[in-house]
Amino acid sequence: MKLIVGLGNPGTRYAKTRHNIGFMLVDALAQDTSLDCGVWKMNKKFNAEIAHSADRKTILLKPQTFMNESGRAVRAALQFFKLPSDDLYVIHDDLDVPFGAYKIQQGRGSAGHRGIESIFTYIATRNFTRVRIGIADGEKQKQGADFVLARFTKKEQKELPALFARLTKELLNDIA
């Protein structure tokens, strides 16, 4: 069984922002016909929205704790499903990666990402897979809280479906 967590902030205010690209990708995964996840359901025990693949081998999770407390929901889900951290995939935005690019890595530092720092704190390990999706646009002066909480440009919005299709294919091959 694999636990795939998309990081983001709950609520319509943040729905299409750069910081919520993790939520956006797990939504794309949930819609993939090979997983057949059905609908998202709120799980109060995890304080997260959850969707299961039809074969119950993949669990998708969107913590509703806000980004900086994502580790609470991740720890609760790992403990409930009795999963080791190496069955965990965490998808999040990354300012150090250009928009449209991504990196899939294990055991790296947080690079200042507070959602990842929260997970490190709550599960006491870095031994999990991270999917770092680039959101940088090259304008360093804009990068920071205002930038990550901003919406994608119209051009970027048009490019997101192709990026999500590539990532979905790669992740599904990896977890198979």
N, C-alpha and C. Protein backbone atom coordinates (compact mmCIF):
# COMPACT_ATOMS: atom_id res chain seq x y z
N MET A 1 0.84 -1.17 0.00
CA MET A 1 0.00 0.00 0.00
C MET A 1 0.89 1.24 0.00
N LYS A 2 0.47 2.25 -0.76
CA LYS A 2 1.20 3.52 -0.82
C LYS A 2 0.30 4.65 -0.37
N LEU A 3 0.88 5.60 0.36
CA LEU A 3 0.18 6.81 0.78
C LEU A 3 0.77 7.97 0.00
N ILE A 4 -0.06 8.62 -0.80
CA ILE A 4 0.38 9.76 -1.60
C ILE A 4 -0.31 11.00 -1.05
N VAL A 5 0.50 11.93 -0.56
CA VAL A 5 0.00 13.13 0.10
C VAL A 5 0.30 14.35 -0.76
N GLY A 6 -0.71 15.11 -1.05
CA GLY A 6 -0.52 16.40 -1.72
C GLY A 6 -0.59 17.49 -0.68
N LEU A 7 0.38 18.37 -0.67
CA LEU A 7 0.39 19.47 0.30
C LEU A 7 -0.28 20.70 -0.29
N GLY A 8 -0.96 21.43 0.59
CA GLY A 8 -1.63 22.66 0.19
C GLY A 8 -2.33 23.25 1.39
N ASN A 9 -3.12 24.27 1.13
CA ASN A 9 -3.92 24.91 2.16
C ASN A 9 -5.39 24.71 1.83
N PRO A 10 -6.23 24.43 2.83
CA PRO A 10 -7.66 24.23 2.56
C PRO A 10 -8.37 25.54 2.24
N GLY A 11 -9.50 25.41 1.56
CA GLY A 11 -10.36 26.55 1.31
C GLY A 11 -10.24 27.10 -0.10
N THR A 12 -11.31 27.74 -0.54
CA THR A 12 -11.36 28.27 -1.90
C THR A 12 -10.36 29.40 -2.12
N ARG A 13 -10.02 30.12 -1.08
CA ARG A 13 -9.06 31.23 -1.20
C ARG A 13 -7.72 30.75 -1.77
N TYR A 14 -7.33 29.53 -1.44
CA TYR A 14 -6.02 29.00 -1.83
C TYR A 14 -6.09 28.00 -2.99
N ALA A 15 -7.30 27.67 -3.43
CA ALA A 15 -7.52 26.53 -4.33
C ALA A 15 -6.61 26.48 -5.56
N LYS A 16 -6.40 27.55 -6.23
CA LYS A 16 -5.63 27.52 -7.49
C LYS A 16 -4.29 28.24 -7.36
N THR A 17 -3.77 28.31 -6.13
CA THR A 17 -2.50 29.01 -5.92
C THR A 17 -1.32 28.08 -6.13
N ARG A 18 -0.16 28.68 -6.30
CA ARG A 18 1.08 27.92 -6.50
C ARG A 18 1.36 26.98 -5.32
N HIS A 19 1.06 27.43 -4.13
CA HIS A 19 1.33 26.65 -2.92
C HIS A 19 0.48 25.37 -2.88
N ASN A 20 -0.61 25.35 -3.63
CA ASN A 20 -1.53 24.21 -3.62
C ASN A 20 -1.32 23.26 -4.79
N ILE A 21 -0.18 23.31 -5.43
CA ILE A 21 0.06 22.42 -6.56
C ILE A 21 0.07 20.95 -6.12
N GLY A 22 0.41 20.68 -4.87
CA GLY A 22 0.33 19.31 -4.35
C GLY A 22 -1.10 18.80 -4.33
N PHE A 23 -2.03 19.63 -3.85
CA PHE A 23 -3.45 19.29 -3.88
C PHE A 23 -3.90 19.05 -5.32
N MET A 24 -3.46 19.93 -6.21
CA MET A 24 -3.88 19.85 -7.61
C MET A 24 -3.42 18.54 -8.25
N LEU A 25 -2.21 18.11 -7.94
CA LEU A 25 -1.72 16.87 -8.54
C LEU A 25 -2.44 15.65 -7.96
N VAL A 26 -2.69 15.61 -6.67
CA VAL A 26 -3.43 14.44 -6.15
C VAL A 26 -4.86 14.43 -6.66
N ASP A 27 -5.44 15.60 -6.93
CA ASP A 27 -6.74 15.63 -7.59
C ASP A 27 -6.66 15.00 -8.97
N ALA A 28 -5.59 15.30 -9.71
CA ALA A 28 -5.39 14.69 -11.03
C ALA A 28 -5.20 13.18 -10.91
N LEU A 29 -4.45 12.75 -9.91
CA LEU A 29 -4.28 11.31 -9.68
C LEU A 29 -5.61 10.64 -9.36
N ALA A 30 -6.43 11.29 -8.56
CA ALA A 30 -7.73 10.72 -8.17
C ALA A 30 -8.63 10.54 -9.39
N GLN A 31 -8.46 11.36 -10.39
CA GLN A 31 -9.28 11.28 -11.60
C GLN A 31 -8.75 10.27 -12.61
N ASP A 32 -7.53 9.77 -12.40
CA ASP A 32 -6.97 8.81 -13.33
C ASP A 32 -7.78 7.52 -13.28
N THR A 33 -8.18 7.04 -14.43
CA THR A 33 -9.06 5.86 -14.48
C THR A 33 -8.38 4.59 -13.97
N SER A 34 -7.06 4.51 -14.05
CA SER A 34 -6.39 3.29 -13.57
C SER A 34 -6.47 3.17 -12.04
N LEU A 35 -6.58 4.29 -11.32
CA LEU A 35 -6.73 4.23 -9.87
C LEU A 35 -8.18 4.08 -9.45
N ASP A 36 -9.09 4.68 -10.21
CA ASP A 36 -10.52 4.57 -9.93
C ASP A 36 -10.81 4.92 -8.46
N CYS A 37 -10.48 6.15 -8.07
CA CYS A 37 -10.58 6.56 -6.67
C CYS A 37 -11.96 6.99 -6.21
N GLY A 38 -12.81 7.35 -7.09
CA GLY A 38 -14.11 7.82 -6.63
C GLY A 38 -14.01 9.22 -6.05
N VAL A 39 -14.75 9.46 -4.97
CA VAL A 39 -14.85 10.81 -4.42
C VAL A 39 -13.95 10.99 -3.20
N TRP A 40 -13.58 12.25 -2.96
CA TRP A 40 -12.84 12.60 -1.76
C TRP A 40 -13.82 12.63 -0.59
N LYS A 41 -13.37 12.14 0.56
CA LYS A 41 -14.17 12.18 1.78
C LYS A 41 -13.33 12.78 2.90
N MET A 42 -13.97 13.58 3.72
CA MET A 42 -13.28 14.15 4.87
C MET A 42 -13.13 13.08 5.95
N ASN A 43 -11.91 12.91 6.45
CA ASN A 43 -11.64 11.97 7.52
C ASN A 43 -11.22 12.78 8.74
N LYS A 44 -12.08 12.84 9.74
CA LYS A 44 -11.81 13.66 10.93
C LYS A 44 -10.62 13.14 11.73
N LYS A 45 -10.42 11.82 11.72
CA LYS A 45 -9.31 11.22 12.45
C LYS A 45 -7.96 11.76 11.95
N PHE A 46 -7.86 11.96 10.65
CA PHE A 46 -6.61 12.47 10.04
C PHE A 46 -6.64 13.98 9.86
N ASN A 47 -7.82 14.59 9.98
CA ASN A 47 -8.02 15.98 9.60
C ASN A 47 -7.52 16.18 8.16
N ALA A 48 -8.05 15.34 7.28
CA ALA A 48 -7.62 15.34 5.88
C ALA A 48 -8.72 14.80 5.00
N GLU A 49 -8.70 15.23 3.75
CA GLU A 49 -9.55 14.60 2.75
C GLU A 49 -8.81 13.37 2.25
N ILE A 50 -9.55 12.29 2.00
CA ILE A 50 -8.92 11.02 1.64
C ILE A 50 -9.70 10.38 0.49
N ALA A 51 -8.97 9.72 -0.38
CA ALA A 51 -9.56 8.93 -1.46
C ALA A 51 -8.74 7.65 -1.58
N HIS A 52 -9.42 6.54 -1.82
CA HIS A 52 -8.77 5.23 -1.97
C HIS A 52 -8.88 4.78 -3.41
N SER A 53 -7.85 4.10 -3.91
CA SER A 53 -7.98 3.45 -5.21
C SER A 53 -8.94 2.28 -5.06
N ALA A 54 -9.52 1.86 -6.16
CA ALA A 54 -10.50 0.77 -6.11
C ALA A 54 -9.90 -0.51 -5.52
N ASP A 55 -8.62 -0.76 -5.78
CA ASP A 55 -7.98 -1.97 -5.24
C ASP A 55 -7.44 -1.78 -3.82
N ARG A 56 -7.62 -0.57 -3.26
CA ARG A 56 -7.20 -0.22 -1.90
C ARG A 56 -5.69 -0.27 -1.70
N LYS A 57 -4.92 -0.26 -2.78
CA LYS A 57 -3.46 -0.29 -2.67
C LYS A 57 -2.85 1.11 -2.66
N THR A 58 -3.66 2.11 -2.99
CA THR A 58 -3.18 3.49 -3.01
C THR A 58 -4.17 4.37 -2.26
N ILE A 59 -3.61 5.17 -1.36
CA ILE A 59 -4.41 6.11 -0.59
C ILE A 59 -3.92 7.50 -0.94
N LEU A 60 -4.84 8.38 -1.31
CA LEU A 60 -4.51 9.77 -1.59
C LEU A 60 -5.00 10.61 -0.42
N LEU A 61 -4.19 11.60 -0.03
CA LEU A 61 -4.50 12.38 1.15
C LEU A 61 -4.22 13.86 0.90
N LYS A 62 -5.16 14.70 1.33
CA LYS A 62 -4.97 16.16 1.30
C LYS A 62 -5.20 16.68 2.72
N PRO A 63 -4.11 16.93 3.48
CA PRO A 63 -4.26 17.45 4.84
C PRO A 63 -5.04 18.76 4.83
N GLN A 64 -5.93 18.91 5.79
CA GLN A 64 -6.72 20.13 5.94
C GLN A 64 -6.23 20.96 7.12
N THR A 65 -4.98 20.77 7.48
CA THR A 65 -4.37 21.40 8.65
C THR A 65 -3.65 22.70 8.32
N PHE A 66 -3.67 23.12 7.08
CA PHE A 66 -2.83 24.17 6.53
C PHE A 66 -1.41 23.63 6.41
N MET A 67 -0.70 24.19 5.49
CA MET A 67 0.61 23.68 5.08
C MET A 67 1.56 23.43 6.25
N ASN A 68 1.67 24.39 7.16
CA ASN A 68 2.69 24.31 8.20
C ASN A 68 2.44 23.25 9.26
N GLU A 69 1.28 22.60 9.22
CA GLU A 69 0.96 21.53 10.17
C GLU A 69 0.63 20.23 9.45
N SER A 70 1.08 20.08 8.23
CA SER A 70 0.79 18.89 7.42
C SER A 70 1.24 17.60 8.08
N GLY A 71 2.29 17.66 8.86
CA GLY A 71 2.83 16.47 9.50
C GLY A 71 1.85 15.75 10.41
N ARG A 72 0.94 16.49 11.02
CA ARG A 72 -0.07 15.86 11.90
C ARG A 72 -0.91 14.85 11.13
N ALA A 73 -1.43 15.28 9.99
CA ALA A 73 -2.29 14.40 9.18
C ALA A 73 -1.49 13.23 8.61
N VAL A 74 -0.27 13.50 8.19
CA VAL A 74 0.57 12.45 7.62
C VAL A 74 0.88 11.38 8.67
N ARG A 75 1.28 11.81 9.85
CA ARG A 75 1.57 10.85 10.92
C ARG A 75 0.34 10.02 11.27
N ALA A 76 -0.81 10.67 11.39
CA ALA A 76 -2.04 9.95 11.74
C ALA A 76 -2.37 8.89 10.69
N ALA A 77 -2.21 9.23 9.42
CA ALA A 77 -2.52 8.27 8.34
C ALA A 77 -1.51 7.12 8.33
N LEU A 78 -0.22 7.43 8.46
CA LEU A 78 0.80 6.37 8.48
C LEU A 78 0.54 5.41 9.64
N GLN A 79 0.22 5.94 10.81
CA GLN A 79 -0.04 5.09 11.97
C GLN A 79 -1.30 4.25 11.78
N PHE A 80 -2.36 4.86 11.29
CA PHE A 80 -3.62 4.14 11.12
C PHE A 80 -3.48 2.99 10.13
N PHE A 81 -2.82 3.25 9.00
CA PHE A 81 -2.67 2.21 7.97
C PHE A 81 -1.45 1.32 8.22
N LYS A 82 -0.70 1.61 9.30
CA LYS A 82 0.50 0.84 9.67
C LYS A 82 1.49 0.75 8.51
N LEU A 83 1.78 1.92 7.94
CA LEU A 83 2.69 2.00 6.80
C LEU A 83 4.05 2.51 7.24
N PRO A 84 5.12 1.96 6.68
CA PRO A 84 6.45 2.53 6.92
C PRO A 84 6.61 3.80 6.10
N SER A 85 7.52 4.64 6.50
CA SER A 85 7.71 5.92 5.80
C SER A 85 8.16 5.73 4.35
N ASP A 86 8.79 4.59 4.03
CA ASP A 86 9.21 4.42 2.64
C ASP A 86 8.04 4.11 1.70
N ASP A 87 6.82 3.98 2.23
CA ASP A 87 5.61 3.86 1.40
C ASP A 87 4.90 5.21 1.26
N LEU A 88 5.55 6.27 1.71
CA LEU A 88 4.99 7.62 1.68
C LEU A 88 5.57 8.43 0.52
N TYR A 89 4.67 9.08 -0.23
CA TYR A 89 5.05 10.04 -1.27
C TYR A 89 4.41 11.37 -0.89
N VAL A 90 5.20 12.45 -0.88
CA VAL A 90 4.68 13.77 -0.55
C VAL A 90 4.93 14.69 -1.74
N ILE A 91 3.86 15.30 -2.21
CA ILE A 91 3.91 16.17 -3.38
C ILE A 91 3.75 17.61 -2.92
N HIS A 92 4.68 18.48 -3.34
CA HIS A 92 4.62 19.87 -2.88
C HIS A 92 5.26 20.82 -3.88
N ASP A 93 4.98 22.10 -3.69
CA ASP A 93 5.55 23.17 -4.50
C ASP A 93 7.01 23.38 -4.12
N ASP A 94 7.80 23.90 -5.08
CA ASP A 94 9.20 24.16 -4.79
C ASP A 94 9.67 25.40 -5.57
N LEU A 95 10.11 26.41 -4.83
CA LEU A 95 10.61 27.65 -5.43
C LEU A 95 11.99 27.50 -6.06
N ASP A 96 12.70 26.43 -5.75
CA ASP A 96 14.04 26.23 -6.29
C ASP A 96 14.01 25.47 -7.62
N VAL A 97 12.84 25.10 -8.07
CA VAL A 97 12.69 24.35 -9.32
C VAL A 97 11.85 25.22 -10.26
N PRO A 98 12.29 25.38 -11.52
CA PRO A 98 11.52 26.21 -12.45
C PRO A 98 10.15 25.63 -12.76
N PHE A 99 9.21 26.51 -13.05
CA PHE A 99 7.87 26.07 -13.39
C PHE A 99 7.93 25.08 -14.55
N GLY A 100 7.15 24.01 -14.42
CA GLY A 100 7.09 22.99 -15.46
C GLY A 100 8.05 21.84 -15.26
N ALA A 101 9.00 22.01 -14.35
CA ALA A 101 9.96 20.95 -14.04
C ALA A 101 9.59 20.32 -12.69
N TYR A 102 10.14 19.17 -12.44
CA TYR A 102 9.90 18.51 -11.16
C TYR A 102 11.07 17.60 -10.83
N LYS A 103 11.18 17.25 -9.56
CA LYS A 103 12.20 16.33 -9.08
C LYS A 103 11.54 15.33 -8.13
N ILE A 104 11.87 14.06 -8.31
CA ILE A 104 11.40 13.02 -7.41
C ILE A 104 12.62 12.51 -6.66
N GLN A 105 12.63 12.71 -5.33
CA GLN A 105 13.82 12.42 -4.54
C GLN A 105 13.43 11.80 -3.20
N GLN A 106 14.42 11.19 -2.57
CA GLN A 106 14.25 10.63 -1.23
C GLN A 106 15.31 11.18 -0.29
N GLY A 107 14.93 11.31 0.98
CA GLY A 107 15.89 11.59 2.04
C GLY A 107 16.59 12.92 1.99
N ARG A 108 16.02 13.91 1.35
CA ARG A 108 16.65 15.22 1.25
C ARG A 108 16.15 16.15 2.36
N GLY A 109 16.80 17.29 2.50
CA GLY A 109 16.38 18.30 3.47
C GLY A 109 15.13 19.02 3.00
N SER A 110 14.64 19.93 3.81
CA SER A 110 13.38 20.62 3.50
C SER A 110 13.56 21.81 2.58
N ALA A 111 14.77 22.36 2.49
CA ALA A 111 15.05 23.59 1.74
C ALA A 111 14.12 24.72 2.20
N GLY A 112 13.74 24.69 3.48
CA GLY A 112 12.92 25.74 4.05
C GLY A 112 11.42 25.58 3.83
N HIS A 113 11.00 24.49 3.21
CA HIS A 113 9.56 24.27 2.98
C HIS A 113 8.92 23.85 4.30
N ARG A 114 8.04 24.66 4.82
CA ARG A 114 7.49 24.41 6.16
C ARG A 114 6.57 23.20 6.23
N GLY A 115 5.91 22.86 5.15
CA GLY A 115 5.10 21.65 5.14
C GLY A 115 5.97 20.42 5.29
N ILE A 116 7.10 20.41 4.60
CA ILE A 116 8.04 19.29 4.69
C ILE A 116 8.69 19.27 6.08
N GLU A 117 9.04 20.43 6.61
CA GLU A 117 9.60 20.48 7.96
C GLU A 117 8.62 19.91 8.98
N SER A 118 7.34 20.21 8.81
CA SER A 118 6.32 19.67 9.71
C SER A 118 6.28 18.14 9.63
N ILE A 119 6.37 17.61 8.43
CA ILE A 119 6.37 16.15 8.27
C ILE A 119 7.60 15.54 8.92
N PHE A 120 8.77 16.15 8.70
CA PHE A 120 9.99 15.66 9.36
C PHE A 120 9.78 15.60 10.87
N THR A 121 9.20 16.64 11.43
CA THR A 121 8.99 16.72 12.88
C THR A 121 8.03 15.63 13.37
N TYR A 122 6.92 15.45 12.69
CA TYR A 122 5.89 14.53 13.16
C TYR A 122 6.21 13.06 12.90
N ILE A 123 6.95 12.75 11.83
CA ILE A 123 7.23 11.32 11.60
C ILE A 123 8.68 10.97 11.92
N ALA A 124 9.48 11.97 12.30
CA ALA A 124 10.84 11.77 12.78
C ALA A 124 11.75 11.02 11.79
N THR A 125 11.56 11.27 10.51
CA THR A 125 12.44 10.69 9.49
C THR A 125 12.33 11.50 8.21
N ARG A 126 13.36 11.37 7.39
CA ARG A 126 13.35 11.94 6.04
C ARG A 126 13.24 10.84 5.00
N ASN A 127 13.03 9.63 5.46
CA ASN A 127 13.00 8.46 4.59
C ASN A 127 11.63 8.29 3.92
N PHE A 128 11.34 9.19 3.00
CA PHE A 128 10.13 9.09 2.18
C PHE A 128 10.40 9.78 0.85
N THR A 129 9.55 9.54 -0.11
CA THR A 129 9.73 10.11 -1.44
C THR A 129 9.04 11.46 -1.52
N ARG A 130 9.78 12.44 -2.05
CA ARG A 130 9.23 13.78 -2.26
C ARG A 130 9.13 14.05 -3.75
N VAL A 131 8.01 14.61 -4.14
CA VAL A 131 7.81 15.07 -5.51
C VAL A 131 7.78 16.58 -5.44
N ARG A 132 8.89 17.19 -5.86
CA ARG A 132 9.06 18.64 -5.79
C ARG A 132 8.66 19.23 -7.14
N ILE A 133 7.54 19.93 -7.17
CA ILE A 133 7.05 20.51 -8.42
C ILE A 133 7.44 21.98 -8.48
N GLY A 134 8.13 22.35 -9.54
CA GLY A 134 8.61 23.71 -9.69
C GLY A 134 7.50 24.72 -9.91
N ILE A 135 7.62 25.84 -9.18
CA ILE A 135 6.68 26.94 -9.34
C ILE A 135 7.40 28.26 -9.62
N ALA A 136 8.74 28.23 -9.67
CA ALA A 136 9.52 29.46 -9.85
C ALA A 136 9.29 30.04 -11.24
N ASP A 137 9.26 31.37 -11.31
CA ASP A 137 9.07 32.02 -12.60
C ASP A 137 10.27 32.86 -13.03
N GLY A 138 11.33 32.83 -12.25
CA GLY A 138 12.54 33.56 -12.62
C GLY A 138 12.59 34.98 -12.08
N GLU A 139 11.51 35.47 -11.52
CA GLU A 139 11.49 36.83 -10.96
C GLU A 139 11.74 36.74 -9.46
N LYS A 140 12.99 36.75 -9.06
CA LYS A 140 13.36 36.53 -7.66
C LYS A 140 12.69 37.52 -6.70
N GLN A 141 12.48 38.75 -7.13
CA GLN A 141 11.92 39.73 -6.21
C GLN A 141 10.49 39.39 -5.80
N LYS A 142 9.78 38.61 -6.59
CA LYS A 142 8.40 38.25 -6.27
C LYS A 142 8.32 37.00 -5.42
N GLN A 143 9.39 36.24 -5.33
CA GLN A 143 9.30 34.96 -4.65
C GLN A 143 9.27 35.14 -3.14
N GLY A 144 8.40 34.41 -2.51
CA GLY A 144 8.16 34.49 -1.08
C GLY A 144 6.70 34.20 -0.83
N ALA A 145 6.20 34.58 0.34
CA ALA A 145 4.82 34.25 0.71
C ALA A 145 3.81 34.78 -0.29
N ASP A 146 3.96 36.03 -0.72
CA ASP A 146 3.00 36.58 -1.68
C ASP A 146 3.03 35.80 -2.99
N PHE A 147 4.21 35.40 -3.41
CA PHE A 147 4.34 34.66 -4.67
C PHE A 147 3.71 33.28 -4.58
N VAL A 148 4.01 32.52 -3.53
CA VAL A 148 3.47 31.15 -3.45
C VAL A 148 1.96 31.14 -3.24
N LEU A 149 1.42 32.21 -2.67
CA LEU A 149 -0.02 32.28 -2.46
C LEU A 149 -0.75 32.95 -3.63
N ALA A 150 0.00 33.27 -4.68
CA ALA A 150 -0.60 33.85 -5.89
C ALA A 150 -1.05 32.74 -6.84
N ARG A 151 -1.96 33.09 -7.70
CA ARG A 151 -2.45 32.13 -8.70
C ARG A 151 -1.45 32.04 -9.85
N PHE A 152 -1.53 30.95 -10.59
CA PHE A 152 -0.69 30.77 -11.76
C PHE A 152 -1.13 31.75 -12.85
N THR A 153 -0.18 32.13 -13.71
CA THR A 153 -0.52 32.97 -14.85
C THR A 153 -1.39 32.18 -15.81
N LYS A 154 -2.03 32.85 -16.74
CA LYS A 154 -2.88 32.16 -17.72
C LYS A 154 -2.05 31.19 -18.56
N LYS A 155 -0.84 31.59 -18.92
CA LYS A 155 0.04 30.72 -19.70
C LYS A 155 0.38 29.46 -18.89
N GLU A 156 0.72 29.64 -17.60
CA GLU A 156 1.04 28.49 -16.74
C GLU A 156 -0.17 27.58 -16.56
N GLN A 157 -1.35 28.19 -16.39
CA GLN A 157 -2.57 27.38 -16.23
C GLN A 157 -2.79 26.47 -17.43
N LYS A 158 -2.46 26.96 -18.61
CA LYS A 158 -2.61 26.15 -19.82
C LYS A 158 -1.60 25.00 -19.86
N GLU A 159 -0.45 25.18 -19.20
CA GLU A 159 0.60 24.16 -19.20
C GLU A 159 0.43 23.12 -18.09
N LEU A 160 -0.35 23.43 -17.07
CA LEU A 160 -0.51 22.51 -15.93
C LEU A 160 -1.06 21.13 -16.32
N PRO A 161 -2.08 21.02 -17.18
CA PRO A 161 -2.59 19.67 -17.51
C PRO A 161 -1.52 18.75 -18.10
N ALA A 162 -0.66 19.26 -18.95
CA ALA A 162 0.41 18.43 -19.53
C ALA A 162 1.41 18.02 -18.46
N LEU A 163 1.76 18.94 -17.56
CA LEU A 163 2.66 18.63 -16.45
C LEU A 163 2.04 17.56 -15.56
N PHE A 164 0.77 17.71 -15.22
CA PHE A 164 0.10 16.72 -14.37
C PHE A 164 0.01 15.37 -15.06
N ALA A 165 -0.20 15.36 -16.37
CA ALA A 165 -0.27 14.08 -17.11
C ALA A 165 1.07 13.36 -17.06
N ARG A 166 2.18 14.10 -17.25
CA ARG A 166 3.53 13.49 -17.17
C ARG A 166 3.79 12.94 -15.77
N LEU A 167 3.50 13.73 -14.77
CA LEU A 167 3.74 13.32 -13.38
C LEU A 167 2.84 12.16 -12.97
N THR A 168 1.60 12.20 -13.35
CA THR A 168 0.67 11.11 -13.03
C THR A 168 1.19 9.81 -13.62
N LYS A 169 1.60 9.83 -14.87
CA LYS A 169 2.12 8.63 -15.52
C LYS A 169 3.36 8.11 -14.78
N GLU A 170 4.29 9.01 -14.47
CA GLU A 170 5.51 8.59 -13.79
C GLU A 170 5.22 8.05 -12.39
N LEU A 171 4.35 8.71 -11.64
CA LEU A 171 4.02 8.24 -10.28
C LEU A 171 3.31 6.90 -10.31
N LEU A 172 2.37 6.73 -11.23
CA LEU A 172 1.67 5.45 -11.32
C LEU A 172 2.60 4.31 -11.70
N ASN A 173 3.58 4.59 -12.55
CA ASN A 173 4.58 3.58 -12.88
C ASN A 173 5.46 3.25 -11.67
N ASP A 174 5.77 4.29 -10.87
CA ASP A 174 6.64 4.11 -9.72
C ASP A 174 5.97 3.30 -8.61
N ILE A 175 4.67 3.52 -8.40
CA ILE A 175 4.00 2.84 -7.30
C ILE A 175 3.48 1.47 -7.70
N ALA A 176 3.50 1.16 -8.98
CA ALA A 176 2.96 -0.13 -9.44
C ALA A 176 3.79 -1.30 -8.95
